[in-house]
Amino acid sequence: MKLTSRLMAVATAIATMGSVALPAATLAQVNAPSAVFSPGDLIKGKSFSSVYYYAPNGKRYVFPNEKTYFTWYTDFSKVKTISDAQLGVIPIGGNVTYRPGFKMVKVTTDPRTYVIDQGGILRHVTSEQLANTLYGLSWKSKIDDLPDPFFINYKVGTAIQTASDYNPANVMTLTTTIAQDKQFDETNVSVSMGDYRTSGYVPNSMTVKKGTTVTWTNRDITDHSVTGTGFDSGMVKPNGTYSRKFDTVGSFDYHDSVYPSMQGTINVVN
């Protein structure tokens, strides 16, 4: 195992402590590993049960617990399994936070109750009457305890003084995806390049919208290239990048001129 792979394995083990894992019954139903996935998909490794959000920036984000996961998804039906080698090439970007507007939270060692705004912003609800106005008579059941270690994933914003300061339904409507919550630029997406024998381009096939710029990052210890019809990166050294904007609808195949068996496809749609 390469040193980078060992370090990635250690980082993964640390970051996924207490993370969301697929139930055994669901694991048995997950399809065989596939390299076809796109930004916004849920992914997991073949040998691991932890689920990640694959972001446009080419990184995977951890769901720190089931409560966080189920503010965004109702089940695990959309999780895609990829090979362990491919998962190891994708760097960890951080943790997913609660979907804004879905619930209120209270930090274990902090008596204050907070609503969640876009970007993982916690806003103190200054009175029980205000909580009742925002979330109804059953507002107490809409509060989750947030373990202290997860508090660092959030930022504290301005307090809520009146009902006009925050509308849960409106906030949820404006934040339907994790990409929106973390304010990712979805017109710029990333692909990782790894060992041609085990991972290759990760993902090796994905779908993007017309006008999207794709950036390939070499996360291997040897040179690679991105060579397709009408575009050629030349040699991309370790930690180097190559970018291309796709302005035409269609499927664009490419390969590594050094290791031709390493192939990928960018599908461009309106």
Protein backbone atom coordinates (compact mmCIF):
# COMPACT_ATOMS: atom_id res chain seq x y z
CA MET A 1 0.00 0.00 0.00
CA LYS A 2 1.32 3.47 -0.90
CA LEU A 3 2.04 5.94 1.88
CA THR A 4 -0.71 8.24 0.56
CA SER A 5 -3.17 5.35 0.68
CA ARG A 6 -2.20 4.52 4.25
CA LEU A 7 -2.62 8.14 5.30
CA MET A 8 -5.99 8.29 3.55
CA ALA A 9 -7.10 5.15 5.37
CA VAL A 10 -6.13 6.68 8.72
CA ALA A 11 -7.90 9.94 7.89
CA THR A 12 -10.99 8.03 6.84
CA ALA A 13 -11.04 6.04 10.08
CA ILE A 14 -10.81 9.22 12.15
CA ALA A 15 -13.37 11.19 10.17
CA THR A 16 -15.96 8.43 10.10
CA MET A 17 -16.04 7.65 13.82
CA GLY A 18 -19.73 7.65 14.67
CA SER A 19 -20.67 8.38 11.04
CA VAL A 20 -23.79 7.06 9.33
CA ALA A 21 -23.50 3.44 8.26
CA LEU A 22 -25.85 1.42 6.09
CA PRO A 23 -27.94 -1.15 7.99
CA ALA A 24 -26.96 -4.78 7.34
CA ALA A 25 -30.22 -5.44 5.48
CA THR A 26 -29.59 -2.49 3.17
CA LEU A 27 -25.95 -3.44 2.61
CA ALA A 28 -27.08 -6.75 1.18
CA GLN A 29 -29.24 -4.94 -1.38
CA VAL A 30 -26.62 -2.46 -2.63
CA ASN A 31 -25.49 -3.10 -6.21
CA ALA A 32 -21.98 -4.15 -7.20
CA PRO A 33 -19.33 -1.40 -7.21
CA SER A 34 -19.70 1.19 -9.98
CA ALA A 35 -17.39 4.00 -11.07
CA VAL A 36 -20.29 5.97 -12.55
CA PHE A 37 -21.39 8.73 -10.21
CA SER A 38 -21.75 12.51 -10.30
CA PRO A 39 -21.56 15.46 -7.91
CA GLY A 40 -24.49 15.32 -5.51
CA ASP A 41 -24.53 11.53 -5.27
CA LEU A 42 -24.30 9.46 -2.09
CA ILE A 43 -21.41 7.00 -2.15
CA LYS A 44 -19.82 4.28 -0.03
CA GLY A 45 -16.90 1.89 -0.41
CA LYS A 46 -17.45 -1.80 -1.14
CA SER A 47 -15.93 -2.93 2.17
CA PHE A 48 -17.21 -0.07 4.31
CA SER A 49 -20.72 0.81 5.44
CA SER A 50 -20.14 4.55 5.99
CA VAL A 51 -22.06 6.82 3.60
CA TYR A 52 -20.66 10.05 2.13
CA TYR A 53 -21.94 12.97 0.09
CA TYR A 54 -19.86 13.45 -3.07
CA ALA A 55 -19.51 17.18 -3.69
CA PRO A 56 -18.80 19.22 -6.84
CA ASN A 57 -15.35 20.06 -5.45
CA GLY A 58 -14.39 16.39 -5.78
CA LYS A 59 -14.41 15.74 -2.03
CA ARG A 60 -16.58 13.49 0.13
CA TYR A 61 -18.44 14.82 3.14
CA VAL A 62 -19.27 12.74 6.20
CA PHE A 63 -22.68 12.47 7.83
CA PRO A 64 -21.67 12.62 11.52
CA ASN A 65 -24.80 10.79 12.69
CA GLU A 66 -28.15 9.43 11.49
CA LYS A 67 -30.07 12.47 12.72
CA THR A 68 -28.08 14.67 10.35
CA TYR A 69 -28.52 12.23 7.45
CA PHE A 70 -32.30 12.00 7.82
CA THR A 71 -32.74 15.77 7.65
CA TRP A 72 -31.65 15.42 4.02
CA TYR A 73 -32.79 11.94 2.96
CA THR A 74 -35.65 9.60 3.86
CA ASP A 75 -33.79 6.34 3.21
CA PHE A 76 -30.60 4.83 1.73
CA SER A 77 -32.03 3.88 -1.66
CA LYS A 78 -29.85 6.32 -3.61
CA VAL A 79 -26.49 5.25 -2.17
CA LYS A 80 -24.01 4.11 -4.82
CA THR A 81 -21.23 1.64 -4.04
CA ILE A 82 -17.77 2.28 -5.48
CA SER A 83 -14.52 0.36 -5.08
CA ASP A 84 -12.46 0.89 -1.95
CA ALA A 85 -9.56 2.11 -4.11
CA GLN A 86 -11.75 4.78 -5.71
CA LEU A 87 -13.08 5.88 -2.34
CA GLY A 88 -9.53 6.21 -1.04
CA VAL A 89 -8.62 8.64 -3.84
CA ILE A 90 -11.44 11.03 -2.91
CA PRO A 91 -10.29 13.40 -0.15
CA ILE A 92 -12.51 14.09 2.86
CA GLY A 93 -13.88 17.63 2.84
CA GLY A 94 -15.54 17.75 6.25
CA ASN A 95 -18.90 16.98 7.82
CA VAL A 96 -22.43 17.51 6.57
CA THR A 97 -24.56 19.75 8.81
CA TYR A 98 -28.31 19.71 9.47
CA ARG A 99 -30.60 20.80 6.67
CA PRO A 100 -31.55 24.42 7.41
CA GLY A 101 -35.09 24.86 8.71
CA PHE A 102 -35.73 21.16 9.28
CA LYS A 103 -35.25 21.18 13.06
CA MET A 104 -33.82 23.17 15.91
CA VAL A 105 -30.78 22.01 17.85
CA LYS A 106 -29.32 22.41 21.32
CA VAL A 107 -25.66 21.80 22.03
CA THR A 108 -25.21 19.24 24.82
CA THR A 109 -23.42 21.67 27.17
CA ASP A 110 -25.26 24.82 26.06
CA PRO A 111 -28.81 25.51 27.34
CA ARG A 112 -29.68 27.74 24.37
CA THR A 113 -31.83 26.52 21.49
CA TYR A 114 -30.83 27.35 17.93
CA VAL A 115 -32.42 27.34 14.50
CA ILE A 116 -30.14 26.47 11.58
CA ASP A 117 -29.64 28.81 8.67
CA GLN A 118 -27.96 28.15 5.32
CA GLY A 119 -24.26 27.42 5.58
CA GLY A 120 -24.47 25.72 8.97
CA ILE A 121 -25.24 28.97 10.79
CA LEU A 122 -26.74 28.57 14.27
CA ARG A 123 -29.11 31.36 15.38
CA HIS A 124 -30.27 31.54 18.97
CA VAL A 125 -34.06 31.43 19.50
CA THR A 126 -34.46 33.99 22.26
CA SER A 127 -37.79 32.87 23.77
CA GLU A 128 -40.14 29.90 24.08
CA GLN A 129 -42.91 31.99 22.56
CA LEU A 130 -40.78 32.57 19.50
CA ALA A 131 -39.98 28.86 19.20
CA ASN A 132 -43.72 28.14 19.40
CA THR A 133 -44.40 30.67 16.64
CA LEU A 134 -41.72 29.18 14.38
CA TYR A 135 -42.35 25.46 14.93
CA GLY A 136 -45.82 25.19 16.49
CA LEU A 137 -47.11 23.81 19.78
CA SER A 138 -44.93 20.72 19.46
CA TRP A 139 -41.75 22.79 19.10
CA LYS A 140 -39.99 20.92 21.91
CA SER A 141 -40.14 17.73 19.84
CA LYS A 142 -38.41 19.60 17.02
CA ILE A 143 -35.19 20.00 19.00
CA ASP A 144 -32.24 17.62 18.61
CA ASP A 145 -29.25 17.46 20.91
CA LEU A 146 -26.06 18.28 19.04
CA PRO A 147 -23.02 16.51 20.54
CA ASP A 148 -20.25 18.89 21.52
CA PRO A 149 -17.71 17.46 19.01
CA PHE A 150 -20.05 18.38 16.13
CA PHE A 151 -20.40 22.01 17.25
CA ILE A 152 -17.24 22.96 15.35
CA ASN A 153 -19.05 22.14 12.09
CA TYR A 154 -21.30 25.16 12.63
CA LYS A 155 -20.92 28.91 13.05
CA VAL A 156 -22.95 31.09 15.42
CA GLY A 157 -24.85 33.89 13.70
CA THR A 158 -27.22 36.62 14.84
CA ALA A 159 -29.98 35.71 17.27
CA ILE A 160 -33.65 35.44 16.24
CA GLN A 161 -35.56 38.27 17.91
CA THR A 162 -38.88 38.14 16.02
CA ALA A 163 -40.68 35.68 13.76
CA SER A 164 -39.90 37.89 10.78
CA ASP A 165 -36.20 37.14 11.26
CA TYR A 166 -36.53 33.50 10.23
CA ASN A 167 -39.07 31.34 8.37
CA PRO A 168 -38.32 27.57 8.55
CA ALA A 169 -40.39 26.72 5.45
CA ASN A 170 -38.73 29.40 3.34
CA VAL A 171 -35.26 28.36 4.49
CA MET A 172 -35.96 24.73 3.56
CA THR A 173 -37.29 25.74 0.16
CA LEU A 174 -34.10 27.66 -0.56
CA THR A 175 -31.88 24.79 0.61
CA THR A 176 -32.94 21.54 -1.02
CA THR A 177 -29.43 20.16 -1.54
CA ILE A 178 -26.22 19.93 0.45
CA ALA A 179 -24.47 21.75 -2.41
CA GLN A 180 -26.77 24.73 -1.86
CA ASP A 181 -26.23 24.61 1.88
CA LYS A 182 -22.45 24.59 1.58
CA GLN A 183 -22.66 27.09 -1.28
CA PHE A 184 -20.62 25.01 -3.72
CA ASP A 185 -20.17 26.36 -7.22
CA GLU A 186 -21.90 23.64 -9.24
CA THR A 187 -20.52 25.03 -12.51
CA ASN A 188 -17.06 23.89 -11.39
CA VAL A 189 -16.62 20.20 -10.63
CA SER A 190 -13.59 18.03 -9.94
CA VAL A 191 -12.29 14.60 -10.92
CA SER A 192 -9.44 12.83 -9.12
CA MET A 193 -6.72 10.80 -10.83
CA GLY A 194 -5.27 7.80 -9.03
CA ASP A 195 -3.38 4.57 -9.68
CA TYR A 196 -4.43 3.25 -13.12
CA ARG A 197 -4.48 -0.32 -11.80
CA THR A 198 -6.96 0.25 -8.98
CA SER A 199 -8.79 3.55 -9.26
CA GLY A 200 -8.00 5.56 -12.39
CA TYR A 201 -10.22 8.61 -12.92
CA VAL A 202 -12.63 9.05 -10.01
CA PRO A 203 -15.38 9.15 -11.04
CA ASN A 204 -14.59 7.73 -14.47
CA SER A 205 -18.01 8.77 -15.79
CA MET A 206 -20.22 11.61 -14.64
CA THR A 207 -22.89 13.97 -15.92
CA VAL A 208 -22.58 17.77 -15.78
CA LYS A 209 -24.57 20.71 -17.12
CA LYS A 210 -23.54 22.64 -20.23
CA GLY A 211 -21.08 25.39 -19.32
CA THR A 212 -19.48 23.43 -16.47
CA THR A 213 -15.72 23.54 -15.99
CA VAL A 214 -14.21 20.19 -15.03
CA THR A 215 -10.89 20.14 -13.16
CA TRP A 216 -8.80 16.98 -12.96
CA THR A 217 -6.43 16.71 -9.97
CA ASN A 218 -3.61 14.18 -9.95
CA ARG A 219 -3.66 12.54 -6.53
CA ASP A 220 -1.26 9.78 -7.58
CA ILE A 221 2.54 9.69 -7.20
CA THR A 222 3.14 9.44 -10.96
CA ASP A 223 2.28 11.59 -13.98
CA HIS A 224 -1.04 11.22 -15.79
CA SER A 225 -2.81 12.98 -18.64
CA VAL A 226 -6.33 13.84 -19.76
CA THR A 227 -6.46 13.23 -23.51
CA GLY A 228 -9.67 13.48 -25.52
CA THR A 229 -10.94 14.64 -28.90
CA GLY A 230 -10.07 18.31 -29.10
CA PHE A 231 -8.36 18.55 -25.72
CA ASP A 232 -5.11 17.33 -24.20
CA SER A 233 -3.70 18.26 -20.80
CA GLY A 234 -0.18 17.11 -21.51
CA MET A 235 1.56 15.54 -18.52
CA VAL A 236 -0.12 16.42 -15.21
CA LYS A 237 2.34 15.94 -12.38
CA PRO A 238 1.40 14.73 -8.87
CA ASN A 239 -0.81 17.35 -7.15
CA GLY A 240 -1.13 19.15 -10.48
CA THR A 241 -4.43 20.07 -12.17
CA TYR A 242 -5.95 20.50 -15.62
CA SER A 243 -9.25 22.25 -16.38
CA ARG A 244 -11.59 22.35 -19.37
CA LYS A 245 -14.96 24.04 -19.84
CA PHE A 246 -17.63 21.97 -21.63
CA ASP A 247 -19.90 24.24 -23.68
CA THR A 248 -21.32 21.59 -26.02
CA VAL A 249 -23.94 18.97 -25.19
CA GLY A 250 -22.75 15.39 -25.75
CA SER A 251 -20.51 12.64 -24.42
CA PHE A 252 -16.78 13.28 -24.28
CA ASP A 253 -14.49 10.28 -23.86
CA TYR A 254 -10.91 10.69 -22.71
CA HIS A 255 -7.97 8.57 -21.59
CA ASP A 256 -4.51 8.72 -20.07
CA SER A 257 -1.83 8.79 -22.79
CA VAL A 258 0.62 7.16 -20.36
CA TYR A 259 -1.76 4.39 -19.26
CA PRO A 260 -4.37 4.00 -22.08
CA SER A 261 -6.44 1.54 -20.04
CA MET A 262 -7.30 4.47 -17.76
CA GLN A 263 -10.41 5.95 -19.39
CA GLY A 264 -13.25 8.32 -18.54
CA THR A 265 -16.34 10.05 -19.91
CA ILE A 266 -17.95 13.45 -19.29
CA ASN A 267 -21.63 13.54 -20.26
CA VAL A 268 -22.83 17.11 -20.87
CA VAL A 269 -26.54 17.97 -20.74
CA ASN A 270 -28.60 21.17 -20.96
